[in-house]
Every structure is written in structure tokens, then in C-alpha cells.
């Protein structure tokens, strides 16, 4: 990644871009998504069926397609429009496509074949469907505010902001956003999805939290802190 830019956030997911049989790269793992007249079993696949995964020995002919199996890590930087991507678990990194504008990109999340990045101090967001190689400007976030974090779950991307009750959600991969309201005004610093719910926490109050089953309606909760004496 280097130290030229302030890398701010990263997300890992699968690039579901369809790859023609003629573009297979030797040594890369793929899954067959369509056959047409391609014979993938002559370039590494044990069987020539849709759904078969294999490591290619090279390209082949025909109109069949595959998708890459390896996960893609995508990182965004704060204060510019640079991104980076890794297809080998973070061992090596290459430059990704530039984000639509130079902004304070603060957080990125992956879901449903799409990476969505949001910027703080404005309404900018962007999405990529090819592992960060190209980016498209998304619809503007509902308010120009200090967005701090974005997460994916329950079929939507959800963002939270600092200094208020502002949240937002998108069901179309960042193309449009709708306002949601957190239960209290505080510096909401992070949101994550797990166990069938979103959870947001604050960087101001040590105990303030909130949860949502759908990313739209939120309920207040409290973090219980305990001191552990060793």
C-alpha cells in the first residue's frame, strides 16, 4: 500500500464480473458460469459443467464465461481519489481505479457483488462492481454531514454520521439513498452488520449504541462496560 496516501478503510468481497473464456489467465482460479461452446475441461476443469471451479492452465475458445474465485480486497484513501486492490489476501497490492472525485473517503463496504464507498464532510459516495477497477458516482447522500461508516446487510447499504442522529440506507447499491434516524444525537463512529442486525456505536459516549433489524428503524441500546483486574 505504501505511505503516500492515508489509507482509510478496506473491504473484501468477490468480483462477480463475467470473464470470457478467451481471457482466462493461467494459474487463476475460476468458476464456470456459462458453457456455450467452450471446453473448460481442456484448460484445467475436471468437468465441463456450470458451477465447476478450477485453476486455469490458460485461455480457451468459445463464448463461455467464468467468474474469478479469489476474493478481492479494496482500500480507499482519505484526502484524494486513489484506491488500491489485492487479489492475494493482501500480500501484494496494485492501484485500483480512481474514485469520481478527490474527497475525504472515510469508509467502504462490500455486498451483493458491489463495493460502496462514502466520504465524510459532504454527500459523495461511489460504487464499483469490478473489484475497484472502475468507479461510478452514486446518488448523493441525504445531507451534507460528517459521514463516518458504511456497512452492508439485510439487502442494503447503511451509513451513519457523526454529530447528530443522521443515518441513511440504499437498496440499489448506492444509486439512491434514503434518510433514517438514529435514536440519539451523538458522534456515531461505526456501523456493522451481523447476527441479522445492524449495530452502531458512538465515539463520544462510552456506552451509547443502537441496533436495527433492517437498517431503517433504530432502537437505542447501552454498552455495559466492566473493569477487568489482572
Protein backbone atom coordinates (compact mmCIF):
# COMPACT_ATOMS: atom_id res chain seq x y z
CA UNK A 1 0.00 0.00 0.00
CA UNK A 2 2.89 2.37 0.63
CA UNK A 3 2.80 5.55 2.69
CA UNK A 4 1.97 8.12 0.02
CA UNK A 5 -1.73 8.29 0.91
CA UNK A 6 -3.63 7.92 4.16
CA UNK A 7 -5.37 4.60 3.60
CA UNK A 8 -8.62 4.87 5.48
CA UNK A 9 -10.76 1.78 5.03
CA UNK A 10 -10.91 -1.53 3.17
CA UNK A 11 -13.49 -4.18 2.31
CA UNK A 12 -13.15 -7.71 0.96
CA UNK A 13 -15.55 -9.35 -1.48
CA UNK A 14 -15.83 -11.28 -4.71
CA UNK A 15 -15.60 -9.68 -8.12
CA UNK A 16 -18.59 -11.15 -9.99
CA UNK A 17 -17.67 -9.60 -13.35
CA UNK A 18 -18.23 -12.08 -16.18
CA UNK A 19 -14.96 -13.12 -17.85
CA UNK A 20 -14.91 -14.55 -21.42
CA UNK A 21 -13.24 -17.92 -21.96
CA UNK A 22 -10.62 -16.28 -24.18
CA UNK A 23 -9.46 -14.06 -21.29
CA UNK A 24 -8.59 -16.77 -18.76
CA UNK A 25 -5.19 -16.31 -17.11
CA UNK A 26 -3.04 -19.34 -16.30
CA UNK A 27 -2.80 -20.03 -12.56
CA UNK A 28 -6.02 -18.15 -11.67
CA UNK A 29 -8.98 -19.87 -10.02
CA UNK A 30 -12.37 -19.54 -11.75
CA UNK A 31 -15.95 -20.82 -11.55
CA UNK A 32 -17.82 -21.67 -14.76
CA UNK A 33 -20.95 -19.54 -15.15
CA UNK A 34 -21.95 -20.42 -18.73
CA UNK A 35 -20.72 -23.01 -21.23
CA UNK A 36 -21.94 -22.17 -24.72
CA UNK A 37 -19.37 -23.87 -26.99
CA UNK A 38 -16.38 -23.56 -24.62
CA UNK A 39 -14.49 -26.61 -23.35
CA UNK A 40 -13.12 -25.60 -19.96
CA UNK A 41 -12.08 -29.19 -19.26
CA UNK A 42 -9.20 -28.77 -21.69
CA UNK A 43 -7.76 -25.86 -19.65
CA UNK A 44 -7.89 -27.28 -16.13
CA UNK A 45 -11.52 -28.05 -15.21
CA UNK A 46 -12.21 -31.66 -14.18
CA UNK A 47 -15.72 -31.47 -15.65
CA UNK A 48 -17.26 -29.11 -18.16
CA UNK A 49 -20.32 -28.10 -16.11
CA UNK A 50 -21.68 -24.77 -14.87
CA UNK A 51 -20.59 -24.29 -11.25
CA UNK A 52 -17.31 -26.18 -11.62
CA UNK A 53 -14.32 -24.42 -10.04
CA UNK A 54 -10.83 -24.90 -11.43
CA UNK A 55 -7.40 -23.36 -11.84
CA UNK A 56 -6.89 -22.39 -15.44
CA UNK A 57 -3.88 -23.51 -17.45
CA UNK A 58 -4.63 -20.77 -19.96
CA UNK A 59 -7.41 -19.34 -22.15
CA UNK A 60 -9.76 -21.37 -24.32
CA UNK A 61 -12.10 -20.76 -27.22
CA UNK A 62 -15.85 -20.27 -27.44
CA UNK A 63 -18.43 -17.96 -25.88
CA UNK A 64 -18.48 -19.48 -22.38
CA UNK A 65 -17.87 -17.35 -19.29
CA UNK A 66 -16.45 -17.64 -15.79
CA UNK A 67 -16.04 -15.53 -12.67
CA UNK A 68 -12.89 -15.28 -10.58
CA UNK A 69 -12.95 -17.26 -7.33
CA UNK A 70 -10.35 -15.35 -5.34
CA UNK A 71 -11.59 -12.61 -3.04
CA UNK A 72 -10.65 -9.01 -3.80
CA UNK A 73 -9.62 -6.53 -1.09
CA UNK A 74 -10.27 -2.88 -1.99
CA UNK A 75 -8.91 0.07 0.00
CA UNK A 76 -9.80 3.76 -0.19
CA UNK A 77 -7.70 6.73 0.87
CA UNK A 78 -8.65 9.91 2.65
CA UNK A 79 -7.98 13.24 1.02
CA UNK A 80 -7.69 12.10 -2.61
CA UNK A 81 -9.34 9.79 -5.13
CA UNK A 82 -6.85 6.91 -5.05
CA UNK A 83 -7.75 3.27 -4.38
CA UNK A 84 -5.78 0.04 -4.13
CA UNK A 85 -6.72 -3.60 -4.67
CA UNK A 86 -5.31 -7.00 -3.77
CA UNK A 87 -6.32 -10.44 -5.10
CA UNK A 88 -3.92 -12.49 -2.96
CA UNK A 89 -5.11 -11.78 0.56
CA UNK A 90 -3.24 -8.51 0.95
CA UNK A 91 0.23 -9.88 0.13
CA UNK A 92 0.59 -7.64 -2.91
CA UNK A 93 -1.33 -4.52 -3.92
CA UNK A 94 -1.88 -2.66 -7.17
CA UNK A 95 -3.52 0.68 -7.88
CA UNK A 96 -7.26 0.50 -8.42
CA UNK A 97 -9.39 2.87 -10.43
CA UNK A 98 -9.74 6.46 -9.28
CA UNK A 99 -12.82 7.45 -7.31
CA UNK A 100 -15.07 10.04 -9.01
CA UNK A 101 -13.57 12.95 -7.11
CA UNK A 102 -10.85 13.82 -4.62
CA UNK A 103 -12.63 13.75 -1.30
CA UNK A 104 -12.40 12.60 2.30
CA UNK A 105 -13.25 8.95 1.59
CA UNK A 106 -13.84 7.52 5.04
CA UNK A 107 -15.38 4.06 4.72
CA UNK A 108 -16.03 1.23 2.25
CA UNK A 109 -18.23 -1.87 2.42
CA UNK A 110 -18.96 -4.88 0.20
CA UNK A 111 -22.24 -6.59 -0.53
CA UNK A 112 -24.01 -8.36 -3.38
CA UNK A 113 -21.10 -8.05 -5.82
CA UNK A 114 -20.65 -4.31 -5.20
CA UNK A 115 -18.22 -2.15 -3.24
CA UNK A 116 -19.68 1.13 -1.91
CA UNK A 117 -17.52 3.95 -0.53
CA UNK A 118 -18.74 7.05 1.33
CA UNK A 119 -16.97 10.33 2.00
CA UNK A 120 -17.13 12.40 5.16
CA UNK A 121 -17.96 16.11 5.21
CA UNK A 122 -20.31 16.07 2.23
CA UNK A 123 -22.75 13.95 0.23
CA UNK A 124 -20.35 11.99 -2.00
CA UNK A 125 -20.41 8.23 -2.43
CA UNK A 126 -19.33 5.85 -5.18
CA UNK A 127 -19.68 2.21 -6.16
CA UNK A 128 -17.69 -0.42 -8.05
CA UNK A 129 -18.86 -3.75 -9.43
CA UNK A 130 -15.48 -4.97 -10.69
CA UNK A 131 -13.32 -5.10 -7.58
CA UNK A 132 -12.35 -1.44 -7.53
CA UNK A 133 -11.05 -1.31 -11.09
CA UNK A 134 -13.65 1.27 -12.12
CA UNK A 135 -15.89 3.53 -10.05
CA UNK A 136 -19.20 5.28 -10.63
CA UNK A 137 -20.53 8.23 -8.64
CA UNK A 138 -23.55 7.19 -6.60
CA UNK A 139 -26.57 9.26 -5.76
CA UNK A 140 -25.94 11.99 -3.22
CA UNK A 141 -26.31 11.12 0.44
CA UNK A 142 -29.33 12.79 2.10
CA UNK A 143 -27.44 15.55 3.91
CA UNK A 144 -24.06 17.20 3.83
CA UNK A 145 -22.72 15.95 7.12
CA UNK A 146 -19.86 14.06 8.74
CA UNK A 147 -20.43 10.54 7.45
CA UNK A 148 -18.24 8.09 9.34
CA UNK A 149 -19.04 4.50 8.39
CA UNK A 150 -20.92 2.26 5.95
CA UNK A 151 -21.88 -1.43 6.19
CA UNK A 152 -23.86 -3.96 4.16
CA UNK A 153 -26.56 -6.36 5.35
CA UNK A 154 -30.24 -7.28 5.01
CA UNK A 155 -30.14 -6.34 1.32
CA UNK A 156 -28.98 -2.76 1.80
CA UNK A 157 -26.01 -0.49 2.46
CA UNK A 158 -26.34 1.58 5.65
CA UNK A 159 -24.30 4.68 6.57
CA UNK A 160 -24.09 6.57 9.86
CA UNK A 161 -22.80 10.06 10.63
CA UNK A 162 -21.25 11.96 13.50
CA UNK A 163 -22.69 14.96 15.36
CA UNK A 164 -26.39 14.14 15.20
CA UNK A 165 -28.95 11.44 14.51
CA UNK A 166 -28.26 11.13 10.78
CA UNK A 167 -28.26 7.73 9.05
CA UNK A 168 -29.06 6.64 5.51
CA UNK A 169 -29.69 3.45 3.59
CA UNK A 170 -29.54 2.33 -0.03
CA UNK A 171 -31.23 -0.71 -1.54
CA UNK A 172 -29.75 -0.20 -5.02
CA UNK A 173 -26.01 -0.31 -4.31
CA UNK A 174 -25.58 3.40 -3.65
CA UNK A 175 -27.52 4.66 -6.66
CA UNK A 176 -30.06 6.33 -4.37
CA UNK A 177 -30.14 6.93 -0.61
CA UNK A 178 -32.96 7.41 1.89
CA UNK A 179 -32.73 9.15 5.26
CA UNK A 180 -33.01 7.19 8.50
CA UNK A 181 -32.81 8.44 12.08
CA UNK A 182 -30.65 7.14 14.91
CA UNK A 183 -32.14 7.17 18.44
CA UNK A 184 -29.93 9.91 19.93
CA UNK A 185 -27.68 12.77 18.87
CA UNK A 186 -24.04 11.76 19.31
CA UNK A 187 -20.88 11.08 17.34
CA UNK A 188 -21.85 7.83 15.66
CA UNK A 189 -18.48 6.45 14.55
CA UNK A 190 -19.03 2.94 13.24
CA UNK A 191 -21.72 0.60 11.94
CA UNK A 192 -21.51 -3.14 11.28
CA UNK A 193 -23.85 -5.99 10.36
CA UNK A 194 -24.00 -9.42 11.98
CA UNK A 195 -26.44 -11.86 13.58
CA UNK A 196 -29.23 -10.43 11.39
CA UNK A 197 -28.93 -6.84 12.62
CA UNK A 198 -27.02 -3.61 12.22
CA UNK A 199 -25.23 -2.19 15.26
CA UNK A 200 -23.88 1.36 15.54
CA UNK A 201 -21.62 2.75 18.26
CA UNK A 202 -20.58 6.24 19.33
CA UNK A 203 -17.08 7.65 19.82
CA UNK A 204 -18.30 10.29 22.29
CA UNK A 205 -20.23 8.33 24.86
CA UNK A 206 -18.61 5.14 26.03
CA UNK A 207 -21.95 3.38 26.42
CA UNK A 208 -24.18 4.73 23.61
CA UNK A 209 -25.15 2.22 20.93
CA UNK A 210 -28.07 1.44 18.63
CA UNK A 211 -29.34 -1.54 16.68
CA UNK A 212 -31.63 -2.11 13.72
CA UNK A 213 -33.01 -5.24 12.12
CA UNK A 214 -33.49 -3.56 8.75
CA UNK A 215 -31.19 -0.50 8.73
CA UNK A 216 -34.25 1.76 8.67
CA UNK A 217 -35.78 1.73 12.15
CA UNK A 218 -33.32 2.04 15.03
CA UNK A 219 -33.53 1.29 18.75
CA UNK A 220 -31.28 2.64 21.49
CA UNK A 221 -29.08 0.25 23.42
CA UNK A 222 -26.32 0.56 26.02
CA UNK A 223 -22.85 -0.95 26.07
CA UNK A 224 -22.08 -2.38 29.51
CA UNK A 225 -18.50 -1.67 30.46
CA UNK A 226 -16.68 -3.71 33.04
CA UNK A 227 -13.22 -3.37 34.52
CA UNK A 228 -11.08 -6.48 34.46
CA UNK A 229 -8.46 -6.65 37.16
CA UNK A 230 -5.46 -8.85 36.47
